Amino acid sequence: MSPDSKTAQVRPADLPHGSEPPSAWVQRWSHLVAPQGHVLDIACGQGRHMRWFASHGHPVTGVDRSAEAIVAVAPLGEAIVADIENAPWPLMHDGKVRTFDAVIVTNYLWRPLFELMAQSLAPGGVLIYETFSTGNETVGKPSRPDFLLQSGELLRAFADLQPIAYEEGFLAQPGRFVQRLAAVRALPAEAGQPPKRYPL
């Protein structure tokens, strides 16, 4: 896999994709996921976030194009090998997109999947997304515009969700430019009820 792959990572060279510690952003906002809520990890790699959520009592599903990665995560829960960029979306049930209580995406960008990611959220479901953004070309890989989010792109792409937290900018150790979003598919409002509050 080339350094500019759509799943390019910033990580120590001896750590395969998904074996790094869980993202601090994912950990920070994992409390928004309903207790025992089912979590989908897209481009899961070696399953660092599947392990995190499974250890906190969540059923997990991971999808990745690497058969080796899927073998590694299979003991954690549902594990699906699929080329989600060039084949039909594998998470369907009775002709409809399966929904989850959380969708996790880190260090992965394939814009045609944005709509399917949003559709995969059940009412009240949480999207936690973090990947590289414009500016990263000045410090390393990935550097091609196809693999870098433009300023505010996640907010625009998931405008139908309720944003809870959003950041973009430079992170150190290792140095990289990122954009990250935590957002919720809001539950339908009930007459006379105040809007749901999401703890920060």
N, C-alpha and C. Protein backbone atom coordinates (compact mmCIF):
# COMPACT_ATOMS: atom_id res chain seq x y z
N MET A 1 0.85 -1.19 0.00
CA MET A 1 0.00 0.00 0.00
C MET A 1 0.89 1.24 0.00
N SER A 2 0.63 2.17 -0.89
CA SER A 2 1.46 3.35 -1.01
C SER A 2 1.19 4.30 0.14
N PRO A 3 2.16 5.19 0.48
CA PRO A 3 1.93 6.14 1.55
C PRO A 3 0.75 7.06 1.29
N ASP A 4 0.39 7.26 0.00
CA ASP A 4 -0.71 8.16 -0.33
C ASP A 4 -2.03 7.42 -0.51
N SER A 5 -2.10 6.19 -0.02
CA SER A 5 -3.34 5.43 -0.11
C SER A 5 -4.46 6.16 0.60
N LYS A 6 -5.70 5.85 0.23
CA LYS A 6 -6.86 6.45 0.88
C LYS A 6 -6.92 6.07 2.35
N THR A 7 -6.23 5.01 2.72
CA THR A 7 -6.20 4.62 4.12
C THR A 7 -4.83 4.90 4.74
N ALA A 8 -4.08 5.85 4.15
CA ALA A 8 -2.76 6.18 4.65
C ALA A 8 -2.84 6.60 6.11
N GLN A 9 -1.85 6.21 6.89
CA GLN A 9 -1.84 6.46 8.32
C GLN A 9 -0.60 7.24 8.73
N VAL A 10 -0.71 7.93 9.85
CA VAL A 10 0.46 8.46 10.53
C VAL A 10 0.67 7.56 11.73
N ARG A 11 1.75 6.78 11.72
CA ARG A 11 1.98 5.82 12.79
C ARG A 11 3.43 5.36 12.73
N PRO A 12 3.96 4.81 13.81
CA PRO A 12 5.28 4.20 13.74
C PRO A 12 5.31 3.11 12.68
N ALA A 13 6.44 3.00 11.98
CA ALA A 13 6.52 2.11 10.83
C ALA A 13 6.29 0.65 11.21
N ASP A 14 6.56 0.29 12.48
CA ASP A 14 6.43 -1.12 12.85
C ASP A 14 5.03 -1.46 13.36
N LEU A 15 4.11 -0.50 13.34
CA LEU A 15 2.75 -0.78 13.79
C LEU A 15 1.81 -0.83 12.60
N PRO A 16 1.17 -1.99 12.35
CA PRO A 16 0.21 -2.05 11.25
C PRO A 16 -1.02 -1.22 11.55
N HIS A 17 -1.70 -0.81 10.48
CA HIS A 17 -2.90 0.02 10.60
C HIS A 17 -3.90 -0.59 11.58
N GLY A 18 -4.29 0.22 12.56
CA GLY A 18 -5.30 -0.24 13.50
C GLY A 18 -4.75 -0.87 14.75
N SER A 19 -3.42 -0.98 14.88
CA SER A 19 -2.85 -1.55 16.10
C SER A 19 -2.30 -0.46 17.01
N GLU A 20 -2.42 0.81 16.59
CA GLU A 20 -2.01 1.92 17.44
C GLU A 20 -2.98 2.04 18.62
N PRO A 21 -2.64 2.87 19.61
CA PRO A 21 -3.62 3.13 20.67
C PRO A 21 -4.87 3.77 20.08
N PRO A 22 -6.01 3.62 20.72
CA PRO A 22 -7.23 4.26 20.22
C PRO A 22 -7.05 5.77 20.11
N SER A 23 -7.69 6.36 19.13
CA SER A 23 -7.66 7.80 18.95
C SER A 23 -8.19 8.51 20.20
N ALA A 24 -7.49 9.56 20.62
CA ALA A 24 -7.95 10.34 21.76
C ALA A 24 -9.30 10.99 21.47
N TRP A 25 -9.55 11.34 20.22
CA TRP A 25 -10.83 11.93 19.84
C TRP A 25 -11.96 10.91 20.00
N VAL A 26 -11.71 9.69 19.55
CA VAL A 26 -12.72 8.64 19.70
C VAL A 26 -12.98 8.37 21.18
N GLN A 27 -11.93 8.26 21.96
CA GLN A 27 -12.12 8.03 23.39
C GLN A 27 -12.89 9.17 24.05
N ARG A 28 -12.56 10.40 23.66
CA ARG A 28 -13.18 11.56 24.28
C ARG A 28 -14.70 11.59 24.10
N TRP A 29 -15.17 11.15 22.92
CA TRP A 29 -16.59 11.26 22.62
C TRP A 29 -17.34 9.92 22.67
N SER A 30 -16.67 8.88 23.11
CA SER A 30 -17.31 7.57 23.16
C SER A 30 -18.44 7.53 24.18
N HIS A 31 -18.44 8.46 25.14
CA HIS A 31 -19.52 8.47 26.13
C HIS A 31 -20.87 8.83 25.51
N LEU A 32 -20.86 9.37 24.30
CA LEU A 32 -22.11 9.70 23.63
C LEU A 32 -22.82 8.47 23.08
N VAL A 33 -22.10 7.37 22.95
CA VAL A 33 -22.69 6.15 22.42
C VAL A 33 -23.55 5.50 23.51
N ALA A 34 -24.75 5.09 23.14
CA ALA A 34 -25.66 4.48 24.10
C ALA A 34 -25.02 3.25 24.74
N PRO A 35 -25.29 2.99 26.02
CA PRO A 35 -24.76 1.78 26.66
C PRO A 35 -25.14 0.53 25.85
N GLN A 36 -24.16 -0.31 25.62
CA GLN A 36 -24.32 -1.53 24.81
C GLN A 36 -24.74 -1.23 23.37
N GLY A 37 -24.58 0.02 22.94
CA GLY A 37 -24.91 0.37 21.56
C GLY A 37 -23.97 -0.29 20.58
N HIS A 38 -24.50 -0.70 19.44
CA HIS A 38 -23.73 -1.40 18.41
C HIS A 38 -22.90 -0.39 17.63
N VAL A 39 -21.60 -0.67 17.52
CA VAL A 39 -20.64 0.26 16.91
C VAL A 39 -20.11 -0.31 15.60
N LEU A 40 -20.13 0.50 14.55
CA LEU A 40 -19.54 0.14 13.26
C LEU A 40 -18.24 0.89 13.09
N ASP A 41 -17.16 0.17 12.82
CA ASP A 41 -15.84 0.76 12.57
C ASP A 41 -15.53 0.57 11.09
N ILE A 42 -15.51 1.67 10.34
CA ILE A 42 -15.27 1.63 8.89
C ILE A 42 -13.78 1.75 8.62
N ALA A 43 -13.26 0.86 7.75
CA ALA A 43 -11.81 0.76 7.51
C ALA A 43 -11.11 0.49 8.85
N CYS A 44 -11.52 -0.59 9.48
CA CYS A 44 -11.15 -0.87 10.87
C CYS A 44 -9.70 -1.27 11.07
N GLY A 45 -9.02 -1.72 10.00
CA GLY A 45 -7.64 -2.17 10.17
C GLY A 45 -7.55 -3.29 11.19
N GLN A 46 -6.54 -3.19 12.07
CA GLN A 46 -6.33 -4.22 13.08
C GLN A 46 -7.24 -4.08 14.28
N GLY A 47 -8.18 -3.13 14.23
CA GLY A 47 -9.26 -3.12 15.20
C GLY A 47 -9.02 -2.37 16.49
N ARG A 48 -8.20 -1.31 16.46
CA ARG A 48 -7.94 -0.60 17.72
C ARG A 48 -9.23 -0.04 18.34
N HIS A 49 -10.14 0.45 17.50
CA HIS A 49 -11.37 1.01 18.07
C HIS A 49 -12.41 -0.07 18.34
N MET A 50 -12.39 -1.13 17.57
CA MET A 50 -13.25 -2.26 17.90
C MET A 50 -12.88 -2.79 19.28
N ARG A 51 -11.60 -2.91 19.56
CA ARG A 51 -11.17 -3.40 20.87
C ARG A 51 -11.60 -2.43 21.97
N TRP A 52 -11.45 -1.15 21.72
CA TRP A 52 -11.82 -0.15 22.73
C TRP A 52 -13.30 -0.26 23.08
N PHE A 53 -14.15 -0.29 22.07
CA PHE A 53 -15.58 -0.35 22.34
C PHE A 53 -16.00 -1.71 22.89
N ALA A 54 -15.43 -2.79 22.38
CA ALA A 54 -15.77 -4.11 22.91
C ALA A 54 -15.40 -4.21 24.39
N SER A 55 -14.29 -3.60 24.78
CA SER A 55 -13.87 -3.63 26.18
C SER A 55 -14.79 -2.81 27.08
N HIS A 56 -15.60 -1.94 26.45
CA HIS A 56 -16.56 -1.14 27.20
C HIS A 56 -18.00 -1.64 27.02
N GLY A 57 -18.13 -2.89 26.60
CA GLY A 57 -19.43 -3.54 26.57
C GLY A 57 -20.27 -3.33 25.33
N HIS A 58 -19.65 -2.86 24.25
CA HIS A 58 -20.41 -2.62 23.03
C HIS A 58 -20.22 -3.77 22.03
N PRO A 59 -21.30 -4.26 21.41
CA PRO A 59 -21.11 -5.14 20.25
C PRO A 59 -20.51 -4.32 19.12
N VAL A 60 -19.63 -4.95 18.35
CA VAL A 60 -18.89 -4.21 17.33
C VAL A 60 -18.94 -4.94 15.99
N THR A 61 -18.92 -4.13 14.95
CA THR A 61 -18.80 -4.62 13.58
C THR A 61 -17.67 -3.85 12.92
N GLY A 62 -16.78 -4.55 12.25
CA GLY A 62 -15.69 -3.91 11.52
C GLY A 62 -15.71 -4.31 10.07
N VAL A 63 -15.38 -3.38 9.19
CA VAL A 63 -15.27 -3.67 7.77
C VAL A 63 -13.95 -3.11 7.27
N ASP A 64 -13.26 -3.90 6.46
CA ASP A 64 -11.98 -3.50 5.91
C ASP A 64 -11.71 -4.33 4.66
N ARG A 65 -10.92 -3.78 3.73
CA ARG A 65 -10.62 -4.54 2.52
C ARG A 65 -9.51 -5.56 2.72
N SER A 66 -8.80 -5.46 3.84
CA SER A 66 -7.71 -6.38 4.11
C SER A 66 -8.22 -7.65 4.78
N ALA A 67 -8.07 -8.78 4.10
CA ALA A 67 -8.48 -10.06 4.69
C ALA A 67 -7.68 -10.36 5.94
N GLU A 68 -6.41 -9.99 5.94
CA GLU A 68 -5.56 -10.21 7.11
C GLU A 68 -6.09 -9.44 8.32
N ALA A 69 -6.48 -8.19 8.09
CA ALA A 69 -7.03 -7.40 9.19
C ALA A 69 -8.32 -8.00 9.72
N ILE A 70 -9.17 -8.46 8.83
CA ILE A 70 -10.46 -9.01 9.25
C ILE A 70 -10.27 -10.29 10.05
N VAL A 71 -9.29 -11.11 9.67
CA VAL A 71 -8.99 -12.30 10.48
C VAL A 71 -8.58 -11.88 11.88
N ALA A 72 -7.80 -10.80 11.98
CA ALA A 72 -7.31 -10.35 13.29
C ALA A 72 -8.44 -9.85 14.19
N VAL A 73 -9.47 -9.21 13.60
CA VAL A 73 -10.53 -8.63 14.43
C VAL A 73 -11.72 -9.54 14.61
N ALA A 74 -11.77 -10.65 13.90
CA ALA A 74 -12.93 -11.54 13.96
C ALA A 74 -13.30 -11.97 15.38
N PRO A 75 -12.33 -12.21 16.28
CA PRO A 75 -12.73 -12.60 17.64
C PRO A 75 -13.47 -11.51 18.41
N LEU A 76 -13.41 -10.27 17.93
CA LEU A 76 -14.03 -9.16 18.66
C LEU A 76 -15.53 -9.04 18.40
N GLY A 77 -15.96 -9.51 17.23
CA GLY A 77 -17.36 -9.35 16.86
C GLY A 77 -17.56 -9.66 15.39
N GLU A 78 -18.51 -8.98 14.76
CA GLU A 78 -18.76 -9.17 13.34
C GLU A 78 -17.63 -8.52 12.54
N ALA A 79 -17.06 -9.26 11.62
CA ALA A 79 -15.93 -8.76 10.84
C ALA A 79 -16.17 -9.07 9.37
N ILE A 80 -16.12 -8.04 8.53
CA ILE A 80 -16.49 -8.17 7.12
C ILE A 80 -15.36 -7.68 6.25
N VAL A 81 -14.89 -8.54 5.35
CA VAL A 81 -13.90 -8.12 4.38
C VAL A 81 -14.64 -7.64 3.14
N ALA A 82 -14.36 -6.40 2.71
CA ALA A 82 -15.05 -5.83 1.56
C ALA A 82 -14.26 -4.64 1.04
N ASP A 83 -14.26 -4.50 -0.27
CA ASP A 83 -13.69 -3.31 -0.90
C ASP A 83 -14.81 -2.29 -1.01
N ILE A 84 -14.94 -1.45 -0.01
CA ILE A 84 -16.09 -0.54 0.05
C ILE A 84 -15.98 0.63 -0.93
N GLU A 85 -14.85 0.72 -1.62
CA GLU A 85 -14.70 1.79 -2.62
C GLU A 85 -15.09 1.33 -4.02
N ASN A 86 -15.04 0.03 -4.26
CA ASN A 86 -15.26 -0.48 -5.62
C ASN A 86 -16.32 -1.55 -5.72
N ALA A 87 -16.99 -1.85 -4.63
CA ALA A 87 -18.03 -2.89 -4.62
C ALA A 87 -19.23 -2.36 -3.87
N PRO A 88 -20.38 -3.04 -4.01
CA PRO A 88 -21.57 -2.58 -3.28
C PRO A 88 -21.34 -2.54 -1.77
N TRP A 89 -22.04 -1.63 -1.12
CA TRP A 89 -21.96 -1.51 0.34
C TRP A 89 -22.37 -2.83 0.97
N PRO A 90 -21.52 -3.41 1.82
CA PRO A 90 -21.78 -4.77 2.31
C PRO A 90 -22.74 -4.85 3.49
N LEU A 91 -23.09 -3.71 4.07
CA LEU A 91 -23.90 -3.72 5.29
C LEU A 91 -25.34 -3.37 4.96
N MET A 92 -26.03 -4.34 4.39
CA MET A 92 -27.42 -4.18 3.99
C MET A 92 -28.28 -5.26 4.67
N HIS A 93 -29.56 -4.95 4.85
CA HIS A 93 -30.51 -5.93 5.39
C HIS A 93 -31.85 -5.68 4.73
N ASP A 94 -32.36 -6.69 4.06
CA ASP A 94 -33.64 -6.58 3.34
C ASP A 94 -33.66 -5.37 2.41
N GLY A 95 -32.54 -5.15 1.74
CA GLY A 95 -32.45 -4.08 0.76
C GLY A 95 -32.26 -2.69 1.34
N LYS A 96 -32.09 -2.61 2.66
CA LYS A 96 -31.90 -1.31 3.30
C LYS A 96 -30.53 -1.26 3.99
N VAL A 97 -29.99 -0.06 4.11
CA VAL A 97 -28.72 0.12 4.80
C VAL A 97 -28.91 -0.21 6.29
N ARG A 98 -28.07 -1.10 6.80
CA ARG A 98 -28.11 -1.40 8.23
C ARG A 98 -27.72 -0.18 9.04
N THR A 99 -28.34 -0.02 10.19
CA THR A 99 -28.02 1.13 11.03
C THR A 99 -27.37 0.69 12.34
N PHE A 100 -26.59 1.62 12.90
CA PHE A 100 -25.79 1.35 14.09
C PHE A 100 -25.94 2.51 15.06
N ASP A 101 -25.59 2.25 16.32
CA ASP A 101 -25.64 3.30 17.33
C ASP A 101 -24.43 4.22 17.27
N ALA A 102 -23.40 3.80 16.58
CA ALA A 102 -22.23 4.66 16.37
C ALA A 102 -21.50 4.21 15.11
N VAL A 103 -20.97 5.17 14.41
CA VAL A 103 -20.10 4.91 13.26
C VAL A 103 -18.78 5.62 13.53
N ILE A 104 -17.69 4.86 13.45
CA ILE A 104 -16.36 5.37 13.74
C ILE A 104 -15.53 5.34 12.45
N VAL A 105 -14.90 6.46 12.13
CA VAL A 105 -14.02 6.54 10.95
C VAL A 105 -12.79 7.33 11.35
N THR A 106 -11.62 6.73 11.19
CA THR A 106 -10.37 7.44 11.48
C THR A 106 -9.35 7.18 10.39
N ASN A 107 -8.65 8.25 10.03
CA ASN A 107 -7.56 8.15 9.04
C ASN A 107 -8.00 7.48 7.75
N TYR A 108 -9.21 7.81 7.32
CA TYR A 108 -9.75 7.23 6.09
C TYR A 108 -10.65 8.26 5.43
N LEU A 109 -10.50 8.39 4.12
CA LEU A 109 -11.32 9.35 3.38
C LEU A 109 -11.67 8.79 2.01
N TRP A 110 -12.96 8.59 1.81
CA TRP A 110 -13.50 8.22 0.50
C TRP A 110 -14.85 8.91 0.40
N ARG A 111 -14.83 10.07 -0.22
CA ARG A 111 -15.99 10.97 -0.19
C ARG A 111 -17.30 10.34 -0.67
N PRO A 112 -17.28 9.46 -1.68
CA PRO A 112 -18.56 8.86 -2.11
C PRO A 112 -19.29 8.08 -1.01
N LEU A 113 -18.61 7.77 0.09
CA LEU A 113 -19.24 7.02 1.18
C LEU A 113 -19.88 7.92 2.23
N PHE A 114 -19.72 9.23 2.14
CA PHE A 114 -20.26 10.10 3.18
C PHE A 114 -21.75 9.85 3.41
N GLU A 115 -22.51 9.76 2.32
CA GLU A 115 -23.96 9.59 2.48
C GLU A 115 -24.29 8.25 3.13
N LEU A 116 -23.58 7.18 2.74
CA LEU A 116 -23.82 5.88 3.35
C LEU A 116 -23.43 5.88 4.83
N MET A 117 -22.38 6.60 5.17
CA MET A 117 -22.01 6.70 6.58
C MET A 117 -23.13 7.33 7.39
N ALA A 118 -23.70 8.41 6.85
CA ALA A 118 -24.80 9.07 7.55
C ALA A 118 -26.02 8.16 7.63
N GLN A 119 -26.32 7.45 6.54
CA GLN A 119 -27.46 6.55 6.53
C GLN A 119 -27.29 5.40 7.51
N SER A 120 -26.06 5.10 7.87
CA SER A 120 -25.78 3.98 8.77
C SER A 120 -26.02 4.32 10.23
N LEU A 121 -26.38 5.57 10.52
CA LEU A 121 -26.65 5.97 11.89
C LEU A 121 -28.13 5.81 12.23
N ALA A 122 -28.40 5.08 13.28
CA ALA A 122 -29.77 4.99 13.80
C ALA A 122 -30.13 6.31 14.47
N PRO A 123 -31.42 6.60 14.66
CA PRO A 123 -31.79 7.78 15.43
C PRO A 123 -31.10 7.78 16.79
N GLY A 124 -30.46 8.89 17.12
CA GLY A 124 -29.68 8.97 18.34
C GLY A 124 -28.26 8.48 18.18
N GLY A 125 -27.93 7.96 16.98
CA GLY A 125 -26.60 7.43 16.73
C GLY A 125 -25.54 8.51 16.62
N VAL A 126 -24.29 8.11 16.88
CA VAL A 126 -23.18 9.04 16.96
C VAL A 126 -22.16 8.75 15.86
N LEU A 127 -21.77 9.78 15.14
CA LEU A 127 -20.66 9.70 14.19
C LEU A 127 -19.43 10.31 14.84
N ILE A 128 -18.34 9.55 14.89
CA ILE A 128 -17.06 10.07 15.37
C ILE A 128 -16.05 9.90 14.24
N TYR A 129 -15.61 11.02 13.68
CA TYR A 129 -14.80 11.01 12.46
C TYR A 129 -13.54 11.84 12.68
N GLU A 130 -12.40 11.31 12.26
CA GLU A 130 -11.14 12.04 12.34
C GLU A 130 -10.24 11.59 11.20
N THR A 131 -9.78 12.54 10.38
CA THR A 131 -8.83 12.19 9.34
C THR A 131 -8.04 13.43 8.91
N PHE A 132 -7.17 13.25 7.94
CA PHE A 132 -6.24 14.29 7.54
C PHE A 132 -6.93 15.41 6.77
N SER A 133 -6.36 16.61 6.88
CA SER A 133 -6.96 17.77 6.23
C SER A 133 -5.90 18.58 5.49
N THR A 134 -6.40 19.55 4.73
CA THR A 134 -5.52 20.44 3.98
C THR A 134 -4.49 21.06 4.92
N GLY A 135 -3.26 21.10 4.45
CA GLY A 135 -2.14 21.55 5.27
C GLY A 135 -1.19 20.40 5.54
N ASN A 136 -1.74 19.17 5.51
CA ASN A 136 -0.88 18.02 5.79
C ASN A 136 0.20 17.83 4.73
N GLU A 137 -0.07 18.35 3.51
CA GLU A 137 0.92 18.24 2.44
C GLU A 137 2.21 18.97 2.79
N THR A 138 2.17 19.87 3.78
CA THR A 138 3.37 20.62 4.17
C THR A 138 4.23 19.87 5.18
N VAL A 139 3.67 18.79 5.76
CA VAL A 139 4.41 18.09 6.81
C VAL A 139 4.63 16.61 6.51
N GLY A 140 3.94 16.06 5.51
CA GLY A 140 4.14 14.64 5.22
C GLY A 140 3.01 14.06 4.40
N LYS A 141 2.84 12.75 4.50
CA LYS A 141 1.81 12.02 3.77
C LYS A 141 0.62 11.73 4.67
N PRO A 142 -0.59 11.65 4.07
CA PRO A 142 -0.91 11.88 2.66
C PRO A 142 -0.80 13.35 2.30
N SER A 143 -0.54 13.60 1.02
CA SER A 143 -0.36 14.98 0.56
C SER A 143 -1.24 15.33 -0.63
N ARG A 144 -1.83 14.34 -1.28
CA ARG A 144 -2.68 14.63 -2.44
C ARG A 144 -4.03 15.17 -2.00
N PRO A 145 -4.57 16.16 -2.71
CA PRO A 145 -5.86 16.75 -2.32
C PRO A 145 -6.99 15.73 -2.19
N ASP A 146 -6.94 14.66 -2.99
CA ASP A 146 -7.99 13.64 -2.91
C ASP A 146 -8.10 13.03 -1.52
N PHE A 147 -7.01 13.06 -0.78
CA PHE A 147 -6.96 12.39 0.51
C PHE A 147 -6.97 13.36 1.68
N LEU A 148 -7.22 14.64 1.41
CA LEU A 148 -7.20 15.66 2.46
C LEU A 148 -8.52 16.43 2.47
N LEU A 149 -9.13 16.51 3.61
CA LEU A 149 -10.36 17.27 3.75
C LEU A 149 -10.10 18.76 3.57
N GLN A 150 -11.01 19.43 2.91
CA GLN A 150 -10.96 20.87 2.81
C GLN A 150 -11.54 21.49 4.09
N SER A 151 -11.21 22.75 4.34
CA SER A 151 -11.67 23.40 5.56
C SER A 151 -13.20 23.31 5.68
N GLY A 152 -13.65 22.82 6.82
CA GLY A 152 -15.09 22.71 7.08
C GLY A 152 -15.80 21.61 6.34
N GLU A 153 -15.08 20.74 5.65
CA GLU A 153 -15.74 19.76 4.79
C GLU A 153 -16.59 18.76 5.57
N LEU A 154 -16.14 18.31 6.72
CA LEU A 154 -16.94 17.35 7.47
C LEU A 154 -18.26 17.98 7.93
N LEU A 155 -18.23 19.24 8.32
CA LEU A 155 -19.46 19.91 8.73
C LEU A 155 -20.44 19.99 7.56
N ARG A 156 -19.92 20.27 6.37
CA ARG A 156 -20.80 20.36 5.20
C ARG A 156 -21.32 18.99 4.80
N ALA A 157 -20.43 17.99 4.84
CA ALA A 157 -20.81 16.65 4.39
C ALA A 157 -21.88 16.03 5.29
N PHE A 158 -21.85 16.37 6.57
CA PHE A 158 -22.79 15.78 7.53
C PHE A 158 -23.69 16.86 8.14
N ALA A 159 -24.13 17.77 7.27
CA ALA A 159 -24.94 18.90 7.72
C ALA A 159 -26.28 18.46 8.30
N ASP A 160 -26.76 17.27 7.95
CA ASP A 160 -28.03 16.79 8.47
C ASP A 160 -27.92 16.26 9.90
N LEU A 161 -26.69 16.10 10.38
CA LEU A 161 -26.48 15.64 11.75
C LEU A 161 -26.31 16.84 12.68
N GLN A 162 -26.52 16.61 13.96
CA GLN A 162 -26.32 17.66 14.96
C GLN A 162 -24.88 17.63 15.43
N PRO A 163 -24.07 18.66 15.11
CA PRO A 163 -22.68 18.64 15.55
C PRO A 163 -22.57 18.85 17.06
N ILE A 164 -21.76 18.04 17.69
CA ILE A 164 -21.50 18.16 19.12
C ILE A 164 -20.13 18.78 19.36
N ALA A 165 -19.17 18.39 18.55
CA ALA A 165 -17.82 18.94 18.66
C ALA A 165 -17.14 18.87 17.30
N TYR A 166 -16.34 19.89 17.01
CA TYR A 166 -15.65 19.95 15.73
C TYR A 166 -14.32 20.65 15.95
N GLU A 167 -13.28 20.11 15.34
CA GLU A 167 -11.97 20.74 15.40
C GLU A 167 -11.26 20.55 14.06
N GLU A 168 -10.44 21.52 13.70
CA GLU A 168 -9.51 21.33 12.59
C GLU A 168 -8.27 22.14 12.87
N GLY A 169 -7.14 21.58 12.46
CA GLY A 169 -5.89 22.27 12.70
C GLY A 169 -4.73 21.30 12.81
N PHE A 170 -3.66 21.76 13.40
CA PHE A 170 -2.41 20.99 13.48
C PHE A 170 -2.31 20.30 14.83
N LEU A 171 -1.95 19.01 14.77
CA LEU A 171 -1.70 18.23 15.97
C LEU A 171 -0.25 17.78 15.97
N ALA A 172 0.36 17.79 17.13
CA ALA A 172 1.76 17.35 17.25
C ALA A 172 1.80 15.87 17.65
N GLN A 173 2.97 15.29 17.52
CA GLN A 173 3.30 13.94 18.01
C GLN A 173 2.36 12.86 17.50
N PRO A 174 2.49 12.44 16.25
CA PRO A 174 3.29 13.04 15.19
C PRO A 174 2.59 14.23 14.57
N GLY A 175 3.37 15.14 14.00
CA GLY A 175 2.81 16.34 13.43
C GLY A 175 1.94 16.03 12.23
N ARG A 176 0.68 16.49 12.27
CA ARG A 176 -0.22 16.29 11.15
C ARG A 176 -1.37 17.28 11.24
N PHE A 177 -1.97 17.57 10.11
CA PHE A 177 -3.15 18.41 10.05
C PHE A 177 -4.38 17.50 10.00
N VAL A 178 -5.35 17.75 10.87
CA VAL A 178 -6.51 16.89 10.92
C VAL A 178 -7.80 17.72 10.99
N GLN A 179 -8.87 17.04 10.71
CA GLN A 179 -10.21 17.57 10.91
C GLN A 179 -10.98 16.47 11.62
N ARG A 180 -11.80 16.84 12.61
CA ARG A 180 -12.50 15.81 13.35
C ARG A 180 -13.85 16.33 13.84
N LEU A 181 -14.79 15.41 13.82
CA LEU A 181 -16.18 15.75 14.10
C LEU A 181 -16.81 14.68 14.98
N ALA A 182 -17.57 15.11 15.96
CA ALA A 182 -18.50 14.24 16.69
C ALA A 182 -19.88 14.81 16.46
N ALA A 183 -20.80 14.01 15.92
CA ALA A 183 -22.13 14.49 15.56
C ALA A 183 -23.15 13.40 15.81
N VAL A 184 -24.40 13.80 15.99
CA VAL A 184 -25.47 12.89 16.37
C VAL A 184 -26.63 13.01 15.40
N ARG A 185 -27.22 11.86 15.04
CA ARG A 185 -28.50 11.90 14.35
C ARG A 185 -29.56 12.09 15.41
N ALA A 186 -30.06 13.29 15.52
CA ALA A 186 -30.94 13.65 16.63
C ALA A 186 -32.22 12.82 16.61
N LEU A 187 -32.69 12.49 17.79
CA LEU A 187 -33.97 11.81 17.94
C LEU A 187 -35.10 12.78 17.59
N PRO A 188 -36.19 12.28 17.05
CA PRO A 188 -37.33 13.17 16.77
C PRO A 188 -37.78 13.89 18.04
N ALA A 189 -38.00 15.20 17.92
CA ALA A 189 -38.42 15.98 19.08
C ALA A 189 -39.86 15.64 19.44
N GLU A 190 -40.12 15.54 20.73
CA GLU A 190 -41.48 15.30 21.22
C GLU A 190 -42.09 16.63 21.64
N ALA A 191 -43.37 16.80 21.33
CA ALA A 191 -44.05 18.05 21.64
C ALA A 191 -43.93 18.38 23.13
N GLY A 192 -43.51 19.62 23.40
CA GLY A 192 -43.42 20.08 24.78
C GLY A 192 -42.18 19.64 25.51
N GLN A 193 -41.31 18.84 24.87
CA GLN A 193 -40.09 18.36 25.51
C GLN A 193 -38.91 19.22 25.11
N PRO A 194 -38.01 19.53 26.04
CA PRO A 194 -36.81 20.29 25.67
C PRO A 194 -35.90 19.42 24.81
N PRO A 195 -35.04 20.02 24.01
CA PRO A 195 -34.11 19.24 23.19
C PRO A 195 -33.17 18.42 24.07
N LYS A 196 -32.78 17.29 23.56
CA LYS A 196 -31.87 16.42 24.30
C LYS A 196 -30.54 17.13 24.50
N ARG A 197 -29.98 16.99 25.68
CA ARG A 197 -28.67 17.58 25.98
C ARG A 197 -27.60 16.50 25.88
N TYR A 198 -26.52 16.84 25.23
CA TYR A 198 -25.41 15.90 25.07
C TYR A 198 -24.24 16.38 25.91
N PRO A 199 -23.81 15.59 26.90
CA PRO A 199 -22.73 16.04 27.79
C PRO A 199 -21.40 16.17 27.06
N LEU A 200 -20.70 17.23 27.36
CA LEU A 200 -19.39 17.47 26.75
C LEU A 200 -18.30 16.90 27.62
